[in-house]
N, C-alpha and C. Protein backbone atom coordinates (compact mmCIF):
# COMPACT_ATOMS: atom_id res chain seq x y z
N MET A 1 93.28 -8.91 77.19
CA MET A 1 92.91 -7.50 77.07
C MET A 1 91.83 -7.34 76.02
N LYS A 2 90.83 -6.54 76.36
CA LYS A 2 89.76 -6.21 75.43
C LYS A 2 89.70 -4.69 75.25
N LEU A 3 89.36 -4.27 74.05
CA LEU A 3 89.16 -2.85 73.75
C LEU A 3 87.68 -2.65 73.43
N ILE A 4 87.00 -1.86 74.25
CA ILE A 4 85.59 -1.54 74.00
C ILE A 4 85.52 -0.07 73.61
N VAL A 5 84.98 0.18 72.45
CA VAL A 5 84.95 1.52 71.87
C VAL A 5 83.51 2.03 71.86
N GLY A 6 83.32 3.26 72.28
CA GLY A 6 82.02 3.91 72.14
C GLY A 6 82.13 5.02 71.11
N LEU A 7 81.18 5.09 70.20
CA LEU A 7 81.23 6.11 69.15
C LEU A 7 80.37 7.31 69.50
N GLY A 8 80.84 8.47 69.05
CA GLY A 8 80.12 9.72 69.29
C GLY A 8 80.94 10.88 68.74
N ASN A 9 80.47 12.07 69.00
CA ASN A 9 81.20 13.28 68.62
C ASN A 9 81.65 13.99 69.89
N PRO A 10 82.90 14.49 69.92
CA PRO A 10 83.40 15.13 71.14
C PRO A 10 82.80 16.53 71.34
N GLY A 11 82.73 16.96 72.59
CA GLY A 11 82.24 18.30 72.89
C GLY A 11 80.87 18.29 73.54
N GLN A 12 80.66 19.26 74.44
CA GLN A 12 79.41 19.33 75.18
C GLN A 12 78.21 19.54 74.28
N LYS A 13 78.42 20.18 73.14
CA LYS A 13 77.33 20.45 72.20
C LYS A 13 76.64 19.16 71.75
N TYR A 14 77.40 18.07 71.68
CA TYR A 14 76.87 16.81 71.16
C TYR A 14 76.60 15.79 72.26
N ALA A 15 76.87 16.13 73.50
CA ALA A 15 76.93 15.14 74.58
C ALA A 15 75.69 14.28 74.70
N GLN A 16 74.50 14.85 74.51
CA GLN A 16 73.25 14.10 74.70
C GLN A 16 72.58 13.72 73.38
N ASN A 17 73.30 13.88 72.28
CA ASN A 17 72.74 13.50 70.98
C ASN A 17 72.52 12.00 70.88
N ARG A 18 71.57 11.60 70.05
CA ARG A 18 71.36 10.18 69.79
C ARG A 18 72.63 9.53 69.24
N HIS A 19 73.37 10.28 68.41
CA HIS A 19 74.60 9.77 67.80
C HIS A 19 75.66 9.43 68.86
N ASN A 20 75.50 9.95 70.07
CA ASN A 20 76.51 9.78 71.12
C ASN A 20 76.15 8.68 72.12
N ILE A 21 75.22 7.81 71.77
CA ILE A 21 74.81 6.78 72.72
C ILE A 21 75.98 5.86 73.09
N GLY A 22 76.94 5.69 72.18
CA GLY A 22 78.12 4.89 72.48
C GLY A 22 78.98 5.52 73.57
N PHE A 23 79.18 6.84 73.50
CA PHE A 23 79.88 7.57 74.56
C PHE A 23 79.15 7.41 75.89
N MET A 24 77.82 7.57 75.85
CA MET A 24 77.02 7.49 77.08
C MET A 24 77.19 6.13 77.75
N ALA A 25 77.16 5.07 76.95
CA ALA A 25 77.28 3.72 77.49
C ALA A 25 78.64 3.52 78.15
N LEU A 26 79.71 4.00 77.51
CA LEU A 26 81.04 3.85 78.09
C LEU A 26 81.19 4.65 79.37
N ASP A 27 80.63 5.84 79.42
CA ASP A 27 80.69 6.64 80.65
C ASP A 27 80.01 5.91 81.80
N ARG A 28 78.88 5.26 81.53
CA ARG A 28 78.18 4.53 82.58
C ARG A 28 79.00 3.31 83.04
N ILE A 29 79.58 2.58 82.10
CA ILE A 29 80.40 1.42 82.45
C ILE A 29 81.59 1.84 83.30
N ALA A 30 82.28 2.91 82.88
CA ALA A 30 83.47 3.37 83.61
C ALA A 30 83.12 3.78 85.03
N ALA A 31 82.00 4.48 85.19
CA ALA A 31 81.59 4.94 86.52
C ALA A 31 81.15 3.79 87.41
N ASP A 32 80.37 2.86 86.87
CA ASP A 32 79.81 1.77 87.67
C ASP A 32 80.86 0.74 88.09
N HIS A 33 81.90 0.57 87.27
CA HIS A 33 82.87 -0.50 87.52
C HIS A 33 84.22 0.02 88.00
N GLY A 34 84.27 1.27 88.42
CA GLY A 34 85.47 1.81 89.06
C GLY A 34 86.70 1.89 88.17
N PHE A 35 86.51 2.27 86.91
CA PHE A 35 87.66 2.42 86.01
C PHE A 35 88.49 3.64 86.41
N ALA A 36 89.76 3.63 86.00
CA ALA A 36 90.64 4.77 86.23
C ALA A 36 90.10 5.98 85.48
N PRO A 37 90.48 7.19 85.89
CA PRO A 37 89.97 8.39 85.21
C PRO A 37 90.32 8.40 83.72
N TRP A 38 89.48 9.04 82.95
CA TRP A 38 89.73 9.19 81.52
C TRP A 38 90.99 10.02 81.31
N ARG A 39 91.80 9.62 80.31
CA ARG A 39 92.99 10.39 79.94
C ARG A 39 93.14 10.41 78.44
N ALA A 40 93.82 11.41 77.93
CA ALA A 40 93.98 11.57 76.49
C ALA A 40 94.97 10.54 75.96
N ARG A 41 94.50 9.66 75.08
CA ARG A 41 95.34 8.65 74.42
C ARG A 41 94.72 8.29 73.08
N PHE A 42 95.57 7.97 72.14
CA PHE A 42 95.13 7.40 70.85
C PHE A 42 94.10 8.28 70.14
N GLN A 43 94.34 9.58 70.12
CA GLN A 43 93.42 10.53 69.47
C GLN A 43 92.02 10.44 70.06
N GLY A 44 91.97 10.16 71.35
CA GLY A 44 90.68 10.04 72.02
C GLY A 44 90.87 10.09 73.51
N HIS A 45 89.94 9.48 74.23
CA HIS A 45 90.01 9.41 75.68
C HIS A 45 89.90 7.95 76.10
N LEU A 46 90.82 7.53 76.98
CA LEU A 46 90.95 6.14 77.37
C LEU A 46 90.77 5.99 78.87
N ALA A 47 90.05 4.96 79.29
CA ALA A 47 89.91 4.60 80.70
C ALA A 47 90.21 3.11 80.82
N GLU A 48 90.98 2.74 81.84
CA GLU A 48 91.39 1.35 82.00
C GLU A 48 90.84 0.76 83.30
N GLY A 49 90.53 -0.52 83.26
CA GLY A 49 89.99 -1.18 84.45
C GLY A 49 89.73 -2.64 84.17
N ARG A 50 88.82 -3.22 84.94
CA ARG A 50 88.49 -4.64 84.78
C ARG A 50 86.98 -4.82 84.74
N LEU A 51 86.57 -5.75 83.92
CA LEU A 51 85.18 -6.20 83.88
C LEU A 51 85.22 -7.69 84.15
N GLY A 52 84.74 -8.11 85.33
CA GLY A 52 84.92 -9.49 85.72
C GLY A 52 86.39 -9.77 85.90
N ASN A 53 86.89 -10.81 85.22
CA ASN A 53 88.31 -11.13 85.32
C ASN A 53 89.10 -10.70 84.08
N ARG A 54 88.52 -9.80 83.28
CA ARG A 54 89.18 -9.34 82.06
C ARG A 54 89.69 -7.91 82.21
N ARG A 55 90.93 -7.68 81.78
CA ARG A 55 91.44 -6.32 81.66
C ARG A 55 90.80 -5.68 80.43
N VAL A 56 90.33 -4.46 80.61
CA VAL A 56 89.59 -3.79 79.54
C VAL A 56 90.03 -2.34 79.42
N SER A 57 90.18 -1.88 78.19
CA SER A 57 90.39 -0.47 77.90
C SER A 57 89.14 0.07 77.21
N LEU A 58 88.60 1.15 77.73
CA LEU A 58 87.46 1.83 77.13
C LEU A 58 87.99 3.02 76.33
N LEU A 59 87.52 3.19 75.11
CA LEU A 59 88.03 4.25 74.24
C LEU A 59 86.88 5.06 73.64
N LYS A 60 86.97 6.38 73.79
CA LYS A 60 86.04 7.31 73.13
C LYS A 60 86.86 8.15 72.14
N PRO A 61 86.79 7.85 70.84
CA PRO A 61 87.55 8.64 69.86
C PRO A 61 87.15 10.12 69.90
N ALA A 62 88.16 10.99 69.78
CA ALA A 62 87.91 12.44 69.79
C ALA A 62 88.11 13.03 68.40
N THR A 63 87.98 12.18 67.38
CA THR A 63 88.27 12.58 66.00
C THR A 63 87.02 12.98 65.24
N PHE A 64 85.87 13.02 65.90
CA PHE A 64 84.56 13.13 65.28
C PHE A 64 84.22 11.81 64.58
N MET A 65 82.93 11.59 64.43
CA MET A 65 82.42 10.28 64.05
C MET A 65 83.05 9.73 62.78
N ASN A 66 83.14 10.54 61.73
CA ASN A 66 83.56 10.00 60.43
C ASN A 66 85.05 9.70 60.34
N LEU A 67 85.81 9.96 61.43
CA LEU A 67 87.23 9.62 61.47
C LEU A 67 87.55 8.69 62.65
N SER A 68 86.55 8.04 63.18
CA SER A 68 86.72 7.21 64.37
C SER A 68 87.77 6.12 64.18
N GLY A 69 87.91 5.62 62.97
CA GLY A 69 88.85 4.52 62.72
C GLY A 69 90.29 4.87 63.00
N GLN A 70 90.65 6.15 62.86
CA GLN A 70 92.03 6.56 63.16
C GLN A 70 92.38 6.25 64.60
N SER A 71 91.49 6.61 65.52
CA SER A 71 91.70 6.39 66.94
C SER A 71 91.67 4.90 67.27
N VAL A 72 90.68 4.18 66.73
CA VAL A 72 90.54 2.76 67.03
C VAL A 72 91.73 1.97 66.50
N GLY A 73 92.16 2.28 65.28
CA GLY A 73 93.30 1.58 64.70
C GLY A 73 94.58 1.81 65.48
N GLU A 74 94.82 3.04 65.89
CA GLU A 74 96.02 3.35 66.67
C GLU A 74 96.01 2.60 68.00
N ALA A 75 94.88 2.60 68.70
CA ALA A 75 94.78 1.90 69.98
C ALA A 75 94.97 0.40 69.81
N MET A 76 94.33 -0.18 68.81
CA MET A 76 94.42 -1.62 68.60
C MET A 76 95.85 -2.04 68.31
N ARG A 77 96.55 -1.29 67.49
CA ARG A 77 97.93 -1.66 67.16
C ARG A 77 98.85 -1.49 68.37
N TYR A 78 98.68 -0.41 69.13
CA TYR A 78 99.54 -0.18 70.29
C TYR A 78 99.33 -1.28 71.34
N LEU A 79 98.08 -1.67 71.55
CA LEU A 79 97.76 -2.69 72.55
C LEU A 79 97.97 -4.10 72.03
N ARG A 80 98.37 -4.23 70.76
CA ARG A 80 98.65 -5.52 70.13
C ARG A 80 97.43 -6.44 70.18
N LEU A 81 96.33 -5.89 69.75
CA LEU A 81 95.09 -6.64 69.73
C LEU A 81 94.71 -7.00 68.30
N ASP A 82 93.86 -7.99 68.16
CA ASP A 82 93.27 -8.34 66.88
C ASP A 82 91.89 -7.70 66.78
N PRO A 83 91.35 -7.56 65.57
CA PRO A 83 89.99 -7.01 65.44
C PRO A 83 88.96 -7.77 66.29
N ALA A 84 89.15 -9.07 66.48
CA ALA A 84 88.21 -9.85 67.29
C ALA A 84 88.21 -9.44 68.75
N ASP A 85 89.25 -8.72 69.19
CA ASP A 85 89.32 -8.24 70.58
C ASP A 85 88.65 -6.88 70.76
N VAL A 86 88.11 -6.33 69.68
CA VAL A 86 87.51 -4.99 69.69
C VAL A 86 86.00 -5.10 69.61
N THR A 87 85.32 -4.39 70.50
CA THR A 87 83.86 -4.28 70.46
C THR A 87 83.48 -2.81 70.36
N VAL A 88 82.65 -2.48 69.40
CA VAL A 88 82.26 -1.08 69.16
C VAL A 88 80.79 -0.90 69.51
N LEU A 89 80.49 0.07 70.35
CA LEU A 89 79.12 0.41 70.74
C LEU A 89 78.69 1.64 69.95
N HIS A 90 77.59 1.53 69.22
CA HIS A 90 77.19 2.64 68.34
C HIS A 90 75.67 2.71 68.20
N ASP A 91 75.21 3.84 67.72
CA ASP A 91 73.78 4.06 67.50
C ASP A 91 73.32 3.31 66.26
N GLU A 92 72.05 2.88 66.29
CA GLU A 92 71.49 2.11 65.18
C GLU A 92 70.10 2.64 64.83
N LEU A 93 69.97 3.19 63.62
CA LEU A 93 68.71 3.77 63.17
C LEU A 93 67.62 2.72 63.00
N ASP A 94 67.99 1.51 62.60
CA ASP A 94 67.00 0.51 62.25
C ASP A 94 66.47 -0.27 63.44
N LEU A 95 66.81 0.16 64.65
CA LEU A 95 66.25 -0.45 65.86
C LEU A 95 65.56 0.64 66.68
N PRO A 96 64.41 0.33 67.26
CA PRO A 96 63.74 1.33 68.11
C PRO A 96 64.52 1.56 69.39
N PRO A 97 64.32 2.70 70.04
CA PRO A 97 65.01 2.96 71.32
C PRO A 97 64.74 1.84 72.32
N GLY A 98 65.80 1.45 73.03
CA GLY A 98 65.66 0.39 74.02
C GLY A 98 65.94 -1.00 73.49
N ARG A 99 66.23 -1.15 72.19
CA ARG A 99 66.53 -2.45 71.60
C ARG A 99 68.01 -2.54 71.23
N LEU A 100 68.57 -3.76 71.32
CA LEU A 100 69.99 -3.99 71.04
C LEU A 100 70.15 -5.14 70.05
N ARG A 101 71.25 -5.13 69.32
CA ARG A 101 71.68 -6.27 68.53
C ARG A 101 73.19 -6.38 68.68
N LEU A 102 73.69 -7.61 68.72
CA LEU A 102 75.12 -7.84 68.89
C LEU A 102 75.56 -8.76 67.76
N LYS A 103 76.60 -8.34 67.02
CA LYS A 103 77.06 -9.16 65.90
C LYS A 103 78.55 -8.94 65.69
N THR A 104 79.18 -9.88 65.00
CA THR A 104 80.59 -9.77 64.63
C THR A 104 80.68 -9.79 63.11
N GLY A 105 81.46 -8.85 62.57
CA GLY A 105 81.64 -8.79 61.13
C GLY A 105 80.44 -8.19 60.42
N GLY A 106 80.53 -8.17 59.11
CA GLY A 106 79.44 -7.61 58.31
C GLY A 106 79.75 -6.21 57.83
N GLY A 107 78.80 -5.64 57.12
CA GLY A 107 78.97 -4.31 56.56
C GLY A 107 78.76 -3.20 57.56
N HIS A 108 78.98 -1.97 57.09
CA HIS A 108 78.82 -0.81 57.98
C HIS A 108 77.46 -0.15 57.84
N ALA A 109 76.64 -0.59 56.86
CA ALA A 109 75.27 -0.10 56.68
C ALA A 109 75.18 1.42 56.58
N GLY A 110 76.22 2.04 56.05
CA GLY A 110 76.19 3.48 55.86
C GLY A 110 76.54 4.30 57.09
N HIS A 111 76.86 3.64 58.21
CA HIS A 111 77.21 4.37 59.43
C HIS A 111 78.63 4.92 59.27
N ASN A 112 78.78 6.24 59.38
CA ASN A 112 80.07 6.87 59.10
C ASN A 112 81.17 6.42 60.06
N GLY A 113 80.82 6.20 61.31
CA GLY A 113 81.83 5.74 62.25
C GLY A 113 82.32 4.34 61.92
N LEU A 114 81.38 3.44 61.62
CA LEU A 114 81.77 2.08 61.24
C LEU A 114 82.51 2.07 59.91
N ARG A 115 82.12 2.91 58.99
CA ARG A 115 82.81 2.97 57.70
C ARG A 115 84.29 3.30 57.91
N SER A 116 84.55 4.26 58.80
CA SER A 116 85.93 4.64 59.08
C SER A 116 86.69 3.50 59.76
N ILE A 117 86.05 2.81 60.69
CA ILE A 117 86.72 1.71 61.39
C ILE A 117 87.01 0.58 60.40
N HIS A 118 86.09 0.30 59.50
CA HIS A 118 86.33 -0.71 58.47
C HIS A 118 87.61 -0.39 57.70
N GLN A 119 87.80 0.87 57.37
CA GLN A 119 88.95 1.29 56.57
C GLN A 119 90.27 1.06 57.31
N HIS A 120 90.23 1.12 58.64
CA HIS A 120 91.48 1.05 59.42
C HIS A 120 91.76 -0.32 60.02
N ILE A 121 90.73 -1.12 60.35
CA ILE A 121 91.00 -2.43 60.97
C ILE A 121 90.25 -3.56 60.29
N GLY A 122 89.50 -3.28 59.24
CA GLY A 122 88.71 -4.32 58.60
C GLY A 122 87.36 -4.49 59.29
N GLU A 123 86.65 -5.55 58.93
CA GLU A 123 85.28 -5.73 59.43
C GLU A 123 85.16 -6.80 60.50
N GLY A 124 86.27 -7.39 60.93
CA GLY A 124 86.20 -8.54 61.82
C GLY A 124 86.04 -8.22 63.29
N TYR A 125 85.55 -7.04 63.62
CA TYR A 125 85.32 -6.66 65.01
C TYR A 125 83.85 -6.88 65.36
N ARG A 126 83.58 -6.86 66.65
CA ARG A 126 82.20 -7.04 67.12
C ARG A 126 81.58 -5.67 67.33
N ARG A 127 80.28 -5.59 67.08
CA ARG A 127 79.60 -4.31 67.30
C ARG A 127 78.28 -4.52 68.03
N LEU A 128 78.04 -3.65 69.03
CA LEU A 128 76.78 -3.63 69.77
C LEU A 128 75.96 -2.48 69.22
N ARG A 129 74.90 -2.82 68.53
CA ARG A 129 74.03 -1.83 67.89
C ARG A 129 72.94 -1.41 68.88
N ILE A 130 72.91 -0.13 69.21
CA ILE A 130 71.99 0.38 70.22
C ILE A 130 70.93 1.23 69.52
N GLY A 131 69.68 0.81 69.62
CA GLY A 131 68.61 1.45 68.86
C GLY A 131 68.35 2.90 69.25
N ILE A 132 68.18 3.74 68.24
CA ILE A 132 67.78 5.14 68.47
C ILE A 132 66.53 5.49 67.67
N GLY A 133 66.01 4.53 66.90
CA GLY A 133 64.82 4.80 66.10
C GLY A 133 65.12 5.55 64.82
N HIS A 134 64.23 5.42 63.85
CA HIS A 134 64.38 6.09 62.55
C HIS A 134 63.36 7.21 62.44
N PRO A 135 63.75 8.36 61.88
CA PRO A 135 62.79 9.47 61.79
C PRO A 135 61.70 9.27 60.76
N GLY A 136 61.82 8.24 59.93
CA GLY A 136 60.77 7.96 58.96
C GLY A 136 61.10 8.31 57.53
N HIS A 137 62.09 9.19 57.34
CA HIS A 137 62.48 9.57 55.99
C HIS A 137 63.98 9.85 55.99
N LYS A 138 64.65 9.42 54.92
CA LYS A 138 66.12 9.55 54.88
C LYS A 138 66.58 11.00 54.92
N ASP A 139 65.75 11.93 54.46
CA ASP A 139 66.15 13.34 54.47
C ASP A 139 66.19 13.91 55.88
N ARG A 140 65.59 13.22 56.84
CA ARG A 140 65.57 13.71 58.22
C ARG A 140 66.57 13.00 59.12
N VAL A 141 67.35 12.07 58.55
CA VAL A 141 68.27 11.26 59.35
C VAL A 141 69.35 12.10 60.01
N ALA A 142 69.99 12.99 59.27
CA ALA A 142 71.10 13.79 59.82
C ALA A 142 70.63 14.61 61.03
N ALA A 143 69.50 15.26 60.89
CA ALA A 143 68.98 16.06 62.00
C ALA A 143 68.57 15.17 63.17
N HIS A 144 68.07 13.99 62.86
CA HIS A 144 67.62 13.06 63.90
C HIS A 144 68.79 12.59 64.77
N VAL A 145 69.85 12.12 64.14
CA VAL A 145 70.96 11.57 64.93
C VAL A 145 71.71 12.65 65.69
N LEU A 146 71.66 13.89 65.21
CA LEU A 146 72.35 14.99 65.89
C LEU A 146 71.43 15.78 66.81
N SER A 147 70.29 15.20 67.16
CA SER A 147 69.39 15.81 68.14
C SER A 147 69.38 14.97 69.40
N ASP A 148 68.97 15.58 70.51
CA ASP A 148 68.94 14.87 71.79
C ASP A 148 67.74 13.93 71.87
N PHE A 149 67.85 12.93 72.73
CA PHE A 149 66.69 12.10 73.02
C PHE A 149 65.61 12.96 73.67
N PRO A 150 64.34 12.73 73.33
CA PRO A 150 63.27 13.51 73.97
C PRO A 150 63.12 13.13 75.43
N LYS A 151 62.56 14.04 76.21
CA LYS A 151 62.36 13.79 77.64
C LYS A 151 61.54 12.53 77.88
N SER A 152 60.63 12.25 76.98
CA SER A 152 59.76 11.08 77.17
C SER A 152 60.54 9.76 77.12
N GLU A 153 61.75 9.77 76.59
CA GLU A 153 62.56 8.56 76.49
C GLU A 153 63.67 8.52 77.54
N ASP A 154 63.74 9.52 78.41
CA ASP A 154 64.83 9.58 79.39
C ASP A 154 64.89 8.33 80.26
N ALA A 155 63.75 7.91 80.80
CA ALA A 155 63.74 6.75 81.70
C ALA A 155 64.15 5.49 80.96
N LEU A 156 63.67 5.32 79.73
CA LEU A 156 64.01 4.15 78.94
C LEU A 156 65.51 4.10 78.66
N ILE A 157 66.09 5.23 78.24
CA ILE A 157 67.51 5.27 77.92
C ILE A 157 68.35 5.04 79.17
N ASP A 158 67.93 5.60 80.30
CA ASP A 158 68.67 5.39 81.54
C ASP A 158 68.65 3.91 81.94
N ASP A 159 67.49 3.27 81.83
CA ASP A 159 67.40 1.84 82.14
C ASP A 159 68.28 1.02 81.20
N LEU A 160 68.29 1.39 79.93
CA LEU A 160 69.09 0.67 78.95
C LEU A 160 70.58 0.79 79.27
N LEU A 161 71.05 1.99 79.59
CA LEU A 161 72.46 2.19 79.89
C LEU A 161 72.85 1.43 81.16
N ARG A 162 71.97 1.42 82.14
CA ARG A 162 72.25 0.66 83.36
C ARG A 162 72.31 -0.84 83.06
N ALA A 163 71.43 -1.30 82.19
CA ALA A 163 71.42 -2.72 81.84
C ALA A 163 72.71 -3.11 81.11
N ILE A 164 73.15 -2.27 80.17
CA ILE A 164 74.40 -2.53 79.46
C ILE A 164 75.56 -2.58 80.44
N SER A 165 75.60 -1.64 81.37
CA SER A 165 76.68 -1.61 82.36
C SER A 165 76.65 -2.83 83.26
N ASP A 166 75.48 -3.20 83.74
CA ASP A 166 75.36 -4.37 84.63
C ASP A 166 75.88 -5.64 83.95
N ALA A 167 75.60 -5.76 82.66
CA ALA A 167 75.96 -6.98 81.92
C ALA A 167 77.31 -6.87 81.23
N ALA A 168 78.02 -5.75 81.40
CA ALA A 168 79.29 -5.53 80.69
C ALA A 168 80.34 -6.61 80.93
N PRO A 169 80.44 -7.21 82.13
CA PRO A 169 81.42 -8.29 82.29
C PRO A 169 81.20 -9.45 81.32
N ASP A 170 79.95 -9.76 80.99
CA ASP A 170 79.68 -10.81 80.01
C ASP A 170 80.07 -10.37 78.61
N LEU A 171 79.90 -9.10 78.32
CA LEU A 171 80.32 -8.57 77.02
C LEU A 171 81.83 -8.71 76.87
N ALA A 172 82.57 -8.37 77.92
CA ALA A 172 84.03 -8.47 77.88
C ALA A 172 84.51 -9.91 77.79
N ALA A 173 83.72 -10.83 78.31
CA ALA A 173 84.08 -12.25 78.30
C ALA A 173 83.61 -12.97 77.04
N ASP A 174 83.06 -12.22 76.08
CA ASP A 174 82.55 -12.80 74.83
C ASP A 174 81.38 -13.75 75.06
N GLU A 175 80.66 -13.54 76.14
CA GLU A 175 79.47 -14.33 76.43
C GLU A 175 78.25 -13.57 75.90
N ASP A 176 78.09 -13.62 74.60
CA ASP A 176 77.07 -12.79 73.96
C ASP A 176 75.66 -13.11 74.43
N ALA A 177 75.33 -14.41 74.49
CA ALA A 177 73.97 -14.80 74.89
C ALA A 177 73.69 -14.38 76.32
N ALA A 178 74.67 -14.57 77.21
CA ALA A 178 74.48 -14.17 78.62
C ALA A 178 74.31 -12.67 78.73
N PHE A 179 75.08 -11.92 77.96
CA PHE A 179 74.96 -10.46 77.98
C PHE A 179 73.57 -10.02 77.56
N LEU A 180 73.10 -10.53 76.44
CA LEU A 180 71.79 -10.12 75.93
C LEU A 180 70.66 -10.56 76.87
N ASN A 181 70.80 -11.74 77.46
CA ASN A 181 69.78 -12.22 78.41
C ASN A 181 69.70 -11.32 79.63
N LYS A 182 70.85 -10.91 80.17
CA LYS A 182 70.85 -10.06 81.35
C LYS A 182 70.26 -8.69 81.04
N VAL A 183 70.58 -8.15 79.88
CA VAL A 183 69.99 -6.86 79.49
C VAL A 183 68.48 -6.99 79.37
N ALA A 184 68.02 -8.07 78.73
CA ALA A 184 66.58 -8.27 78.55
C ALA A 184 65.87 -8.40 79.89
N LEU A 185 66.46 -9.15 80.83
CA LEU A 185 65.84 -9.33 82.14
C LEU A 185 65.84 -8.03 82.93
N ARG A 186 66.86 -7.21 82.75
CA ARG A 186 66.92 -5.92 83.45
C ARG A 186 65.83 -4.97 82.94
N LEU A 187 65.57 -5.03 81.64
CA LEU A 187 64.57 -4.14 81.04
C LEU A 187 63.16 -4.68 81.18
N ASN A 188 63.03 -6.02 81.21
CA ASN A 188 61.71 -6.65 81.29
C ASN A 188 61.73 -7.75 82.35
N PRO A 189 61.73 -7.37 83.62
CA PRO A 189 61.77 -8.40 84.68
C PRO A 189 60.54 -9.29 84.61
N PRO A 190 60.71 -10.59 84.90
CA PRO A 190 59.56 -11.51 84.84
C PRO A 190 58.52 -11.17 85.88
N ARG A 191 57.27 -11.38 85.52
CA ARG A 191 56.16 -11.14 86.44
C ARG A 191 55.65 -12.47 86.98
N PRO A 192 55.15 -12.47 88.22
CA PRO A 192 54.59 -13.72 88.76
C PRO A 192 53.36 -14.13 87.96
N ASN A 193 53.14 -15.44 87.84
CA ASN A 193 51.98 -15.92 87.10
C ASN A 193 50.69 -15.47 87.78
N ALA A 194 49.76 -14.99 86.96
CA ALA A 194 48.52 -14.44 87.52
C ALA A 194 47.72 -15.47 88.29
N GLY A 195 47.81 -16.74 87.86
CA GLY A 195 47.00 -17.77 88.49
C GLY A 195 47.64 -18.41 89.70
N GLN A 196 48.87 -18.04 90.01
CA GLN A 196 49.57 -18.63 91.13
C GLN A 196 49.85 -17.58 92.18
N PRO A 197 49.56 -17.85 93.46
CA PRO A 197 49.83 -16.86 94.50
C PRO A 197 51.31 -16.65 94.70
N ARG A 198 51.72 -15.42 94.90
CA ARG A 198 53.11 -15.13 95.20
C ARG A 198 53.45 -15.61 96.60
N LYS A 199 54.68 -16.12 96.75
CA LYS A 199 55.09 -16.66 98.04
C LYS A 199 55.20 -15.58 99.10
N ASP A 200 55.52 -14.35 98.66
CA ASP A 200 55.69 -13.29 99.65
C ASP A 200 54.39 -12.56 99.94
N ARG A 201 53.29 -13.00 99.35
CA ARG A 201 52.01 -12.34 99.56
C ARG A 201 51.20 -13.14 100.58
N PRO A 202 50.75 -12.52 101.69
CA PRO A 202 49.98 -13.29 102.70
C PRO A 202 48.70 -13.83 102.10
N GLN A 203 48.42 -15.07 102.40
CA GLN A 203 47.23 -15.73 101.87
C GLN A 203 46.12 -15.74 102.91
N PRO A 204 44.83 -15.70 102.51
CA PRO A 204 43.72 -15.72 103.47
C PRO A 204 43.71 -17.05 104.21
N PRO A 205 43.40 -17.01 105.51
CA PRO A 205 43.40 -18.26 106.28
C PRO A 205 42.34 -19.20 105.76
N THR A 206 42.66 -20.47 105.73
CA THR A 206 41.68 -21.46 105.29
C THR A 206 40.84 -21.90 106.47
N GLN A 207 39.56 -22.18 106.21
CA GLN A 207 38.66 -22.62 107.27
C GLN A 207 38.88 -24.10 107.57
N ALA A 208 38.86 -24.45 108.86
CA ALA A 208 39.03 -25.84 109.24
C ALA A 208 37.81 -26.64 108.82
N GLU A 209 38.05 -27.82 108.32
CA GLU A 209 36.94 -28.66 107.89
C GLU A 209 36.23 -29.27 109.10
N THR A 210 34.89 -29.36 109.04
CA THR A 210 34.11 -29.99 110.11
C THR A 210 34.14 -31.49 109.92
N PRO A 211 34.57 -32.26 110.92
CA PRO A 211 34.65 -33.71 110.73
C PRO A 211 33.26 -34.29 110.52
N PRO A 212 33.13 -35.32 109.71
CA PRO A 212 31.80 -35.92 109.44
C PRO A 212 31.17 -36.48 110.72
N GLU A 213 29.82 -36.37 110.82
CA GLU A 213 29.08 -36.84 112.01
C GLU A 213 28.96 -38.37 111.97
N THR A 214 29.35 -39.01 113.06
CA THR A 214 29.31 -40.47 113.11
C THR A 214 27.90 -40.94 113.49
N LEU A 215 27.62 -42.29 113.34
CA LEU A 215 26.34 -42.87 113.70
C LEU A 215 26.08 -42.72 115.20
N THR A 216 27.11 -42.90 116.01
CA THR A 216 26.96 -42.74 117.47
C THR A 216 26.52 -41.33 117.80
N ASP A 217 27.10 -40.32 117.11
CA ASP A 217 26.73 -38.93 117.35
C ASP A 217 25.27 -38.70 116.98
N LYS A 218 24.85 -39.29 115.89
CA LYS A 218 23.46 -39.10 115.45
C LYS A 218 22.47 -39.69 116.48
N LEU A 219 22.76 -40.93 116.99
CA LEU A 219 21.89 -41.56 117.99
C LEU A 219 21.87 -40.76 119.28
N ARG A 220 23.03 -40.25 119.69
CA ARG A 220 23.09 -39.46 120.92
C ARG A 220 22.25 -38.19 120.78
N ASN A 221 22.33 -37.54 119.63
CA ASN A 221 21.55 -36.32 119.42
C ASN A 221 20.06 -36.61 119.40
N LEU A 222 19.66 -37.76 118.78
CA LEU A 222 18.25 -38.13 118.73
C LEU A 222 17.72 -38.44 120.13
N ALA A 223 18.50 -39.13 120.95
CA ALA A 223 18.06 -39.47 122.32
C ALA A 223 17.90 -38.24 123.19
N SER A 224 18.71 -37.25 122.92
CA SER A 224 18.65 -36.04 123.78
C SER A 224 17.35 -35.28 123.58
N ARG A 225 16.72 -35.47 122.43
CA ARG A 225 15.46 -34.76 122.16
C ARG A 225 14.33 -35.27 123.02
N PHE A 226 14.42 -36.56 123.50
CA PHE A 226 13.31 -37.14 124.28
C PHE A 226 13.55 -37.09 125.77
N ARG A 227 14.55 -36.44 126.21
CA ARG A 227 14.82 -36.32 127.64
C ARG A 227 13.95 -35.25 128.28
């Protein structure tokens, strides 16, 4: 059993905020992989299903961001999981939109949701950091994370969420490198080499080579001139 947690703030007012990218990712995973409907559990909302051959519970805490650890701790203890079985998806200021980092352990870097989780289960859980970009000055951070993504980033964010969902079975299987590789390929598909023709592209017909003229042919042509 794995517990995958998405961080955000509950309520329609916050639904499309940058701070809610963790909720958005879990909603996409649940929809794409046929999870059971969301239900109220563990001071949040829980959906159960499978990713690959792993049983997985998806959790969206309803405690607001700075109390997320209450929900995560309750779920982890009830499901008899260790911190290593928990993966938290959250927004990351220090990464540009469309970029990801995956790590286990470490500090909370001032993130209120992670700070709360540290207090309740320690730091030994895995976290998927999803870039939302930095506003450029610390005084603008609060307004930045509680604002929606601009329309100009809609396509990028949609592609990113689809990529995370497509690769989610690898995330559940602790195949970190495979997960990140699949996300990268989904966002940046390889292009055919410019100097090599694509196999599916029709090529211009080649001209047949003219066979070299033999000595007999030359003598025959010379004799024909004197007839």
